[in-house]
């Protein structure tokens, strides 16, 4: 079946094959895209979205694909799928920054036992779920689909179709993105970590001064209230900063953004 499919591709013209080559990369990235590749989105809808994104990316990337036109083969399909998965993982990292920040904040404020999340997803702390859902909603309103399509089109300038990326550069790009995501996530959760540090220091001083007092029972409601107030105050600034960084990352996905 694969051989017959490749023979059919070779019988078509290069211009007719351009959207097919683009589809291999876009469809692989689609299953990890933020918003569009969520577990709640049915597979059939993801397939339709992949076709729609292909039609959007096609006019933009057709010139770059034409300059480095690959000979249709099963190897080309695998290479394009690998590049698409790499791009999808990069897109997903931008959202997982909020998830990691929420986990750090919940752990620092002793709220990691409160879980949330959509059905079918791994449970995460409620703070992380709130930040993630809010961030995706803001990104969608800010034109996430347009930015993702442009980032996919730019990928053909960095990773030529049908050509295996240099493993060293590809791994460095992925590792720097992973390390940068954790750094940014910790920065976003910084206010919660700072408040937690002050709270634990004060709790230690009180416990040292009054050993007979059950400071944990007194401090638990206080830290919970402080976490709720701090989340209400800092969430707009956290999401605004994250959205600005996401726009910068999608406009230059292969630059030194971390």
C-alpha atoms as a PDB file:
ATOM      1  CA  UNK A   1       0.000   0.000   0.000  1.00  0.00           C
ATOM      2  CA  UNK A   2       2.834   2.363   0.867  1.00  0.00           C
ATOM      3  CA  UNK A   3       4.585   1.643  -2.438  1.00  0.00           C
ATOM      4  CA  UNK A   4       1.386   2.285  -4.365  1.00  0.00           C
ATOM      5  CA  UNK A   5       0.896   5.548  -2.505  1.00  0.00           C
ATOM      6  CA  UNK A   6       4.438   6.671  -3.333  1.00  0.00           C
ATOM      7  CA  UNK A   7       3.979   5.757  -6.992  1.00  0.00           C
ATOM      8  CA  UNK A   8       0.823   7.830  -7.058  1.00  0.00           C
ATOM      9  CA  UNK A   9       2.721  10.788  -5.563  1.00  0.00           C
ATOM     10  CA  UNK A  10       5.495  10.459  -8.155  1.00  0.00           C
ATOM     11  CA  UNK A  11       2.935  10.452 -10.956  1.00  0.00           C
ATOM     12  CA  UNK A  12       1.651  13.838  -9.840  1.00  0.00           C
ATOM     13  CA  UNK A  13       3.353  17.128 -10.586  1.00  0.00           C
ATOM     14  CA  UNK A  14       5.527  18.979  -8.115  1.00  0.00           C
ATOM     15  CA  UNK A  15       2.963  21.753  -7.652  1.00  0.00           C
ATOM     16  CA  UNK A  16       0.252  19.203  -6.920  1.00  0.00           C
ATOM     17  CA  UNK A  17       2.490  17.472  -4.376  1.00  0.00           C
ATOM     18  CA  UNK A  18       3.340  20.626  -2.430  1.00  0.00           C
ATOM     19  CA  UNK A  19       0.231  20.574  -0.195  1.00  0.00           C
ATOM     20  CA  UNK A  20       0.725  16.826   0.380  1.00  0.00           C
ATOM     21  CA  UNK A  21       4.286  17.370   1.638  1.00  0.00           C
ATOM     22  CA  UNK A  22       3.112  20.264   3.799  1.00  0.00           C
ATOM     23  CA  UNK A  23       0.279  18.153   5.191  1.00  0.00           C
ATOM     24  CA  UNK A  24       2.707  15.546   6.568  1.00  0.00           C
ATOM     25  CA  UNK A  25       4.423  18.151   8.734  1.00  0.00           C
ATOM     26  CA  UNK A  26       1.301  20.080   9.709  1.00  0.00           C
ATOM     27  CA  UNK A  27      -0.702  16.987  10.665  1.00  0.00           C
ATOM     28  CA  UNK A  28       2.095  15.724  12.944  1.00  0.00           C
ATOM     29  CA  UNK A  29       2.329  19.121  14.645  1.00  0.00           C
ATOM     30  CA  UNK A  30      -1.459  19.392  14.929  1.00  0.00           C
ATOM     31  CA  UNK A  31      -1.727  16.620  17.524  1.00  0.00           C
ATOM     32  CA  UNK A  32       0.479  18.597  19.946  1.00  0.00           C
ATOM     33  CA  UNK A  33      -0.637  22.144  19.180  1.00  0.00           C
ATOM     34  CA  UNK A  34      -2.009  24.196  22.078  1.00  0.00           C
ATOM     35  CA  UNK A  35      -5.743  24.640  21.838  1.00  0.00           C
ATOM     36  CA  UNK A  36      -6.193  22.617  18.658  1.00  0.00           C
ATOM     37  CA  UNK A  37      -4.414  19.458  19.809  1.00  0.00           C
ATOM     38  CA  UNK A  38      -6.012  19.092  23.232  1.00  0.00           C
ATOM     39  CA  UNK A  39      -7.315  15.721  24.405  1.00  0.00           C
ATOM     40  CA  UNK A  40     -10.867  17.077  24.388  1.00  0.00           C
ATOM     41  CA  UNK A  41     -10.710  17.730  20.622  1.00  0.00           C
ATOM     42  CA  UNK A  42     -11.849  14.631  18.649  1.00  0.00           C
ATOM     43  CA  UNK A  43      -9.365  13.064  16.237  1.00  0.00           C
ATOM     44  CA  UNK A  44     -11.617  13.742  13.243  1.00  0.00           C
ATOM     45  CA  UNK A  45     -11.738  17.423  14.135  1.00  0.00           C
ATOM     46  CA  UNK A  46      -7.942  17.450  14.422  1.00  0.00           C
ATOM     47  CA  UNK A  47      -7.711  15.926  10.946  1.00  0.00           C
ATOM     48  CA  UNK A  48      -9.989  18.605   9.520  1.00  0.00           C
ATOM     49  CA  UNK A  49      -7.948  21.290  11.293  1.00  0.00           C
ATOM     50  CA  UNK A  50      -4.757  19.817   9.830  1.00  0.00           C
ATOM     51  CA  UNK A  51      -6.237  20.117   6.336  1.00  0.00           C
ATOM     52  CA  UNK A  52      -7.306  23.708   7.029  1.00  0.00           C
ATOM     53  CA  UNK A  53      -3.868  24.647   8.374  1.00  0.00           C
ATOM     54  CA  UNK A  54      -2.288  23.017   5.322  1.00  0.00           C
ATOM     55  CA  UNK A  55      -4.369  25.224   3.030  1.00  0.00           C
ATOM     56  CA  UNK A  56      -3.221  28.268   5.028  1.00  0.00           C
ATOM     57  CA  UNK A  57       0.481  27.342   5.119  1.00  0.00           C
ATOM     58  CA  UNK A  58       0.592  26.202   1.473  1.00  0.00           C
ATOM     59  CA  UNK A  59       0.654  29.666  -0.216  1.00  0.00           C
ATOM     60  CA  UNK A  60       3.173  30.984   2.317  1.00  0.00           C
ATOM     61  CA  UNK A  61       5.630  28.070   2.260  1.00  0.00           C
ATOM     62  CA  UNK A  62       5.215  26.929  -1.368  1.00  0.00           C
ATOM     63  CA  UNK A  63       8.270  28.905  -2.515  1.00  0.00           C
ATOM     64  CA  UNK A  64      10.516  27.421   0.191  1.00  0.00           C
ATOM     65  CA  UNK A  65       9.208  23.930  -0.566  1.00  0.00           C
ATOM     66  CA  UNK A  66       9.815  24.458  -4.271  1.00  0.00           C
ATOM     67  CA  UNK A  67      13.431  25.509  -3.708  1.00  0.00           C
ATOM     68  CA  UNK A  68      14.162  22.298  -1.805  1.00  0.00           C
ATOM     69  CA  UNK A  69      11.762  19.912  -3.484  1.00  0.00           C
ATOM     70  CA  UNK A  70      12.152  16.351  -2.114  1.00  0.00           C
ATOM     71  CA  UNK A  71      11.807  13.179  -4.135  1.00  0.00           C
ATOM     72  CA  UNK A  72       8.633  11.456  -2.837  1.00  0.00           C
ATOM     73  CA  UNK A  73       9.558   8.480  -0.693  1.00  0.00           C
ATOM     74  CA  UNK A  74       8.633   6.842   2.571  1.00  0.00           C
ATOM     75  CA  UNK A  75      11.717   8.470   4.137  1.00  0.00           C
ATOM     76  CA  UNK A  76      10.349  11.916   3.300  1.00  0.00           C
ATOM     77  CA  UNK A  77       7.108  11.105   5.122  1.00  0.00           C
ATOM     78  CA  UNK A  78       9.022  10.019   8.239  1.00  0.00           C
ATOM     79  CA  UNK A  79      11.294  13.073   8.178  1.00  0.00           C
ATOM     80  CA  UNK A  80       8.389  15.479   7.775  1.00  0.00           C
ATOM     81  CA  UNK A  81       6.518  13.758  10.605  1.00  0.00           C
ATOM     82  CA  UNK A  82       9.559  14.036  12.895  1.00  0.00           C
ATOM     83  CA  UNK A  83       9.947  17.742  12.122  1.00  0.00           C
ATOM     84  CA  UNK A  84       6.226  18.256  12.671  1.00  0.00           C
ATOM     85  CA  UNK A  85       6.376  16.521  16.041  1.00  0.00           C
ATOM     86  CA  UNK A  86       9.347  18.709  16.993  1.00  0.00           C
ATOM     87  CA  UNK A  87       7.407  21.838  16.072  1.00  0.00           C
ATOM     88  CA  UNK A  88       4.356  20.579  17.960  1.00  0.00           C
ATOM     89  CA  UNK A  89       6.475  19.879  21.033  1.00  0.00           C
ATOM     90  CA  UNK A  90       7.824  23.435  20.853  1.00  0.00           C
ATOM     91  CA  UNK A  91       4.291  24.830  20.665  1.00  0.00           C
ATOM     92  CA  UNK A  92       3.209  22.620  23.574  1.00  0.00           C
ATOM     93  CA  UNK A  93       6.139  23.804  25.718  1.00  0.00           C
ATOM     94  CA  UNK A  94       4.818  27.350  25.511  1.00  0.00           C
ATOM     95  CA  UNK A  95       1.608  26.224  27.221  1.00  0.00           C
ATOM     96  CA  UNK A  96       3.267  23.825  29.636  1.00  0.00           C
ATOM     97  CA  UNK A  97       5.105  26.834  31.046  1.00  0.00           C
ATOM     98  CA  UNK A  98       1.798  27.817  32.662  1.00  0.00           C
ATOM     99  CA  UNK A  99       1.179  24.264  33.875  1.00  0.00           C
ATOM    100  CA  UNK A 100       4.626  24.069  35.476  1.00  0.00           C
ATOM    101  CA  UNK A 101       4.221  27.553  36.974  1.00  0.00           C
ATOM    102  CA  UNK A 102       0.893  26.504  38.472  1.00  0.00           C
ATOM    103  CA  UNK A 103       2.441  23.345  39.923  1.00  0.00           C
ATOM    104  CA  UNK A 104       5.278  25.335  41.495  1.00  0.00           C
ATOM    105  CA  UNK A 105       2.855  27.902  42.909  1.00  0.00           C
ATOM    106  CA  UNK A 106       0.507  25.245  44.282  1.00  0.00           C
ATOM    107  CA  UNK A 107       3.370  23.333  45.901  1.00  0.00           C
ATOM    108  CA  UNK A 108       4.782  26.508  47.430  1.00  0.00           C
ATOM    109  CA  UNK A 109       1.398  27.562  48.838  1.00  0.00           C
ATOM    110  CA  UNK A 110       0.469  24.063  50.104  1.00  0.00           C
ATOM    111  CA  UNK A 111      -2.404  23.757  47.605  1.00  0.00           C
ATOM    112  CA  UNK A 112      -1.020  20.930  45.493  1.00  0.00           C
ATOM    113  CA  UNK A 113      -3.688  18.560  46.861  1.00  0.00           C
ATOM    114  CA  UNK A 114      -6.445  20.467  45.034  1.00  0.00           C
ATOM    115  CA  UNK A 115      -6.589  18.949  41.566  1.00  0.00           C
ATOM    116  CA  UNK A 116      -8.369  20.098  38.444  1.00  0.00           C
ATOM    117  CA  UNK A 117      -8.334  19.442  34.734  1.00  0.00           C
ATOM    118  CA  UNK A 118     -10.545  18.349  31.867  1.00  0.00           C
ATOM    119  CA  UNK A 119     -11.784  14.740  31.559  1.00  0.00           C
ATOM    120  CA  UNK A 120      -9.220  12.479  29.913  1.00  0.00           C
ATOM    121  CA  UNK A 121      -6.278  14.621  30.997  1.00  0.00           C
ATOM    122  CA  UNK A 122      -3.799  14.001  33.763  1.00  0.00           C
ATOM    123  CA  UNK A 123      -4.908  15.868  36.895  1.00  0.00           C
ATOM    124  CA  UNK A 124      -2.955  18.978  37.756  1.00  0.00           C
ATOM    125  CA  UNK A 125      -3.170  21.457  40.636  1.00  0.00           C
ATOM    126  CA  UNK A 126      -6.148  23.777  40.374  1.00  0.00           C
ATOM    127  CA  UNK A 127      -3.908  26.841  40.044  1.00  0.00           C
ATOM    128  CA  UNK A 128      -2.142  25.311  37.041  1.00  0.00           C
ATOM    129  CA  UNK A 129      -5.429  24.356  35.425  1.00  0.00           C
ATOM    130  CA  UNK A 130      -6.801  27.866  35.932  1.00  0.00           C
ATOM    131  CA  UNK A 131      -3.714  29.519  34.439  1.00  0.00           C
ATOM    132  CA  UNK A 132      -3.628  27.087  31.495  1.00  0.00           C
ATOM    133  CA  UNK A 133      -7.287  27.499  30.554  1.00  0.00           C
ATOM    134  CA  UNK A 134      -7.082  31.279  30.934  1.00  0.00           C
ATOM    135  CA  UNK A 135      -3.890  31.435  28.879  1.00  0.00           C
ATOM    136  CA  UNK A 136      -5.371  29.364  26.054  1.00  0.00           C
ATOM    137  CA  UNK A 137      -8.473  31.556  26.007  1.00  0.00           C
ATOM    138  CA  UNK A 138      -6.349  34.717  25.786  1.00  0.00           C
ATOM    139  CA  UNK A 139      -4.140  33.196  23.090  1.00  0.00           C
ATOM    140  CA  UNK A 140      -7.162  32.209  21.010  1.00  0.00           C
ATOM    141  CA  UNK A 141      -8.580  35.718  21.248  1.00  0.00           C
ATOM    142  CA  UNK A 142      -5.175  37.113  20.264  1.00  0.00           C
ATOM    143  CA  UNK A 143      -5.100  35.102  17.003  1.00  0.00           C
ATOM    144  CA  UNK A 144      -3.254  31.956  18.007  1.00  0.00           C
ATOM    145  CA  UNK A 145      -4.246  30.163  14.779  1.00  0.00           C
ATOM    146  CA  UNK A 146      -2.604  32.833  12.634  1.00  0.00           C
ATOM    147  CA  UNK A 147       0.614  32.795  14.664  1.00  0.00           C
ATOM    148  CA  UNK A 148       0.838  28.999  14.593  1.00  0.00           C
ATOM    149  CA  UNK A 149       0.356  28.966  10.819  1.00  0.00           C
ATOM    150  CA  UNK A 150       3.110  31.551  10.344  1.00  0.00           C
ATOM    151  CA  UNK A 151       5.439  29.599  12.652  1.00  0.00           C
ATOM    152  CA  UNK A 152       4.831  26.430  10.619  1.00  0.00           C
ATOM    153  CA  UNK A 153       5.559  28.347   7.414  1.00  0.00           C
ATOM    154  CA  UNK A 154       8.811  29.662   8.922  1.00  0.00           C
ATOM    155  CA  UNK A 155       9.835  26.106   9.781  1.00  0.00           C
ATOM    156  CA  UNK A 156      10.451  25.408   6.067  1.00  0.00           C
ATOM    157  CA  UNK A 157      13.243  27.979   6.085  1.00  0.00           C
ATOM    158  CA  UNK A 158      14.999  26.280   8.992  1.00  0.00           C
ATOM    159  CA  UNK A 159      14.123  22.649   8.208  1.00  0.00           C
ATOM    160  CA  UNK A 160      13.995  22.002   4.476  1.00  0.00           C
ATOM    161  CA  UNK A 161      11.372  19.475   3.363  1.00  0.00           C
ATOM    162  CA  UNK A 162      12.622  15.922   3.061  1.00  0.00           C
ATOM    163  CA  UNK A 163      16.018  16.745   4.596  1.00  0.00           C
ATOM    164  CA  UNK A 164      16.801  15.294   7.989  1.00  0.00           C
ATOM    165  CA  UNK A 165      17.748  18.103  10.420  1.00  0.00           C
ATOM    166  CA  UNK A 166      21.194  18.072  11.909  1.00  0.00           C
ATOM    167  CA  UNK A 167      20.792  15.967  15.086  1.00  0.00           C
ATOM    168  CA  UNK A 168      23.109  18.233  17.098  1.00  0.00           C
ATOM    169  CA  UNK A 169      21.274  21.435  16.201  1.00  0.00           C
ATOM    170  CA  UNK A 170      17.884  19.769  16.592  1.00  0.00           C
ATOM    171  CA  UNK A 171      18.757  18.425  20.046  1.00  0.00           C
ATOM    172  CA  UNK A 172      20.269  21.734  21.186  1.00  0.00           C
ATOM    173  CA  UNK A 173      17.129  23.535  20.030  1.00  0.00           C
ATOM    174  CA  UNK A 174      14.945  21.098  21.975  1.00  0.00           C
ATOM    175  CA  UNK A 175      17.053  21.066  25.143  1.00  0.00           C
ATOM    176  CA  UNK A 176      17.329  24.856  25.246  1.00  0.00           C
ATOM    177  CA  UNK A 177      13.560  25.076  24.825  1.00  0.00           C
ATOM    178  CA  UNK A 178      12.953  22.638  27.670  1.00  0.00           C
ATOM    179  CA  UNK A 179      15.389  24.397  29.988  1.00  0.00           C
ATOM    180  CA  UNK A 180      13.985  27.802  29.030  1.00  0.00           C
ATOM    181  CA  UNK A 181      10.426  26.641  29.703  1.00  0.00           C
ATOM    182  CA  UNK A 182      11.338  25.613  33.253  1.00  0.00           C
ATOM    183  CA  UNK A 183      13.180  28.909  33.794  1.00  0.00           C
ATOM    184  CA  UNK A 184      10.233  30.957  32.578  1.00  0.00           C
ATOM    185  CA  UNK A 185       7.791  28.858  34.603  1.00  0.00           C
ATOM    186  CA  UNK A 186       9.762  29.448  37.789  1.00  0.00           C
ATOM    187  CA  UNK A 187       9.874  33.179  36.982  1.00  0.00           C
ATOM    188  CA  UNK A 188       6.095  33.278  36.559  1.00  0.00           C
ATOM    189  CA  UNK A 189       5.622  31.493  39.888  1.00  0.00           C
ATOM    190  CA  UNK A 190       8.127  33.763  41.628  1.00  0.00           C
ATOM    191  CA  UNK A 191       5.562  35.772  43.687  1.00  0.00           C
ATOM    192  CA  UNK A 192       4.098  32.574  45.152  1.00  0.00           C
ATOM    193  CA  UNK A 193       7.543  31.225  46.030  1.00  0.00           C
ATOM    194  CA  UNK A 194       8.490  34.512  47.698  1.00  0.00           C
ATOM    195  CA  UNK A 195       5.289  34.646  49.751  1.00  0.00           C
ATOM    196  CA  UNK A 196       5.785  30.995  50.730  1.00  0.00           C
ATOM    197  CA  UNK A 197       9.331  31.752  51.900  1.00  0.00           C
ATOM    198  CA  UNK A 198       8.144  34.642  54.076  1.00  0.00           C
ATOM    199  CA  UNK A 199       5.274  32.535  55.437  1.00  0.00           C
ATOM    200  CA  UNK A 200       7.498  29.605  56.406  1.00  0.00           C
ATOM    201  CA  UNK A 201      10.068  31.898  58.026  1.00  0.00           C
ATOM    202  CA  UNK A 202       7.354  33.603  60.075  1.00  0.00           C
ATOM    203  CA  UNK A 203       5.883  30.227  60.984  1.00  0.00           C
ATOM    204  CA  UNK A 204       9.287  29.009  62.140  1.00  0.00           C
ATOM    205  CA  UNK A 205       9.839  32.080  64.306  1.00  0.00           C
ATOM    206  CA  UNK A 206       6.393  31.742  65.905  1.00  0.00           C
ATOM    207  CA  UNK A 207       6.896  28.042  66.512  1.00  0.00           C
ATOM    208  CA  UNK A 208      10.282  28.739  68.127  1.00  0.00           C
ATOM    209  CA  UNK A 209       8.784  31.405  70.379  1.00  0.00           C
ATOM    210  CA  UNK A 210       5.691  29.396  71.325  1.00  0.00           C
ATOM    211  CA  UNK A 211       6.412  25.655  70.962  1.00  0.00           C
ATOM    212  CA  UNK A 212       3.110  24.686  72.567  1.00  0.00           C
ATOM    213  CA  UNK A 213       1.077  26.538  69.923  1.00  0.00           C
ATOM    214  CA  UNK A 214      -0.129  24.461  66.925  1.00  0.00           C
ATOM    215  CA  UNK A 215       1.051  26.963  64.348  1.00  0.00           C
ATOM    216  CA  UNK A 216       0.272  24.642  61.426  1.00  0.00           C
ATOM    217  CA  UNK A 217      -3.461  24.742  62.174  1.00  0.00           C
ATOM    218  CA  UNK A 218      -3.377  28.517  62.514  1.00  0.00           C
ATOM    219  CA  UNK A 219      -1.190  29.109  59.484  1.00  0.00           C
ATOM    220  CA  UNK A 220      -3.008  26.798  57.023  1.00  0.00           C
ATOM    221  CA  UNK A 221      -6.085  29.075  56.577  1.00  0.00           C
ATOM    222  CA  UNK A 222      -3.794  32.107  56.355  1.00  0.00           C
ATOM    223  CA  UNK A 223      -1.640  30.669  53.560  1.00  0.00           C
ATOM    224  CA  UNK A 224      -4.745  29.497  51.680  1.00  0.00           C
ATOM    225  CA  UNK A 225      -6.290  32.957  51.847  1.00  0.00           C
ATOM    226  CA  UNK A 226      -2.980  34.534  50.852  1.00  0.00           C
ATOM    227  CA  UNK A 227      -2.739  32.181  47.845  1.00  0.00           C
ATOM    228  CA  UNK A 228      -6.244  33.097  46.645  1.00  0.00           C
ATOM    229  CA  UNK A 229      -5.614  36.832  47.026  1.00  0.00           C
ATOM    230  CA  UNK A 230      -2.191  36.598  45.394  1.00  0.00           C
ATOM    231  CA  UNK A 231      -3.607  34.574  42.477  1.00  0.00           C
ATOM    232  CA  UNK A 232      -6.349  37.150  41.903  1.00  0.00           C
ATOM    233  CA  UNK A 233      -3.826  40.002  41.949  1.00  0.00           C
ATOM    234  CA  UNK A 234      -0.966  38.417  40.002  1.00  0.00           C
ATOM    235  CA  UNK A 235      -2.822  36.290  37.425  1.00  0.00           C
ATOM    236  CA  UNK A 236      -3.460  39.209  34.997  1.00  0.00           C
ATOM    237  CA  UNK A 237       0.220  40.161  35.066  1.00  0.00           C
ATOM    238  CA  UNK A 238       1.362  36.528  34.735  1.00  0.00           C
ATOM    239  CA  UNK A 239      -0.915  35.895  31.748  1.00  0.00           C
ATOM    240  CA  UNK A 240      -0.009  39.213  30.115  1.00  0.00           C
ATOM    241  CA  UNK A 241       3.713  38.467  30.406  1.00  0.00           C
ATOM    242  CA  UNK A 242       3.202  34.906  29.155  1.00  0.00           C
ATOM    243  CA  UNK A 243       1.169  36.063  26.160  1.00  0.00           C
ATOM    244  CA  UNK A 244       3.863  38.588  25.182  1.00  0.00           C
ATOM    245  CA  UNK A 245       6.534  35.912  25.421  1.00  0.00           C
ATOM    246  CA  UNK A 246       4.439  33.467  23.404  1.00  0.00           C
ATOM    247  CA  UNK A 247       3.973  36.049  20.639  1.00  0.00           C
ATOM    248  CA  UNK A 248       7.732  36.621  20.536  1.00  0.00           C
ATOM    249  CA  UNK A 249       8.440  32.888  20.489  1.00  0.00           C
ATOM    250  CA  UNK A 250       5.995  32.156  17.674  1.00  0.00           C
ATOM    251  CA  UNK A 251       7.285  35.057  15.583  1.00  0.00           C
ATOM    252  CA  UNK A 252      10.850  33.698  15.835  1.00  0.00           C
ATOM    253  CA  UNK A 253      10.642  30.028  16.874  1.00  0.00           C
ATOM    254  CA  UNK A 254      14.270  29.263  15.973  1.00  0.00           C
ATOM    255  CA  UNK A 255      15.899  32.349  17.464  1.00  0.00           C
ATOM    256  CA  UNK A 256      17.504  32.895  20.846  1.00  0.00           C
ATOM    257  CA  UNK A 257      14.258  33.556  22.731  1.00  0.00           C
ATOM    258  CA  UNK A 258      15.023  31.770  25.995  1.00  0.00           C
END
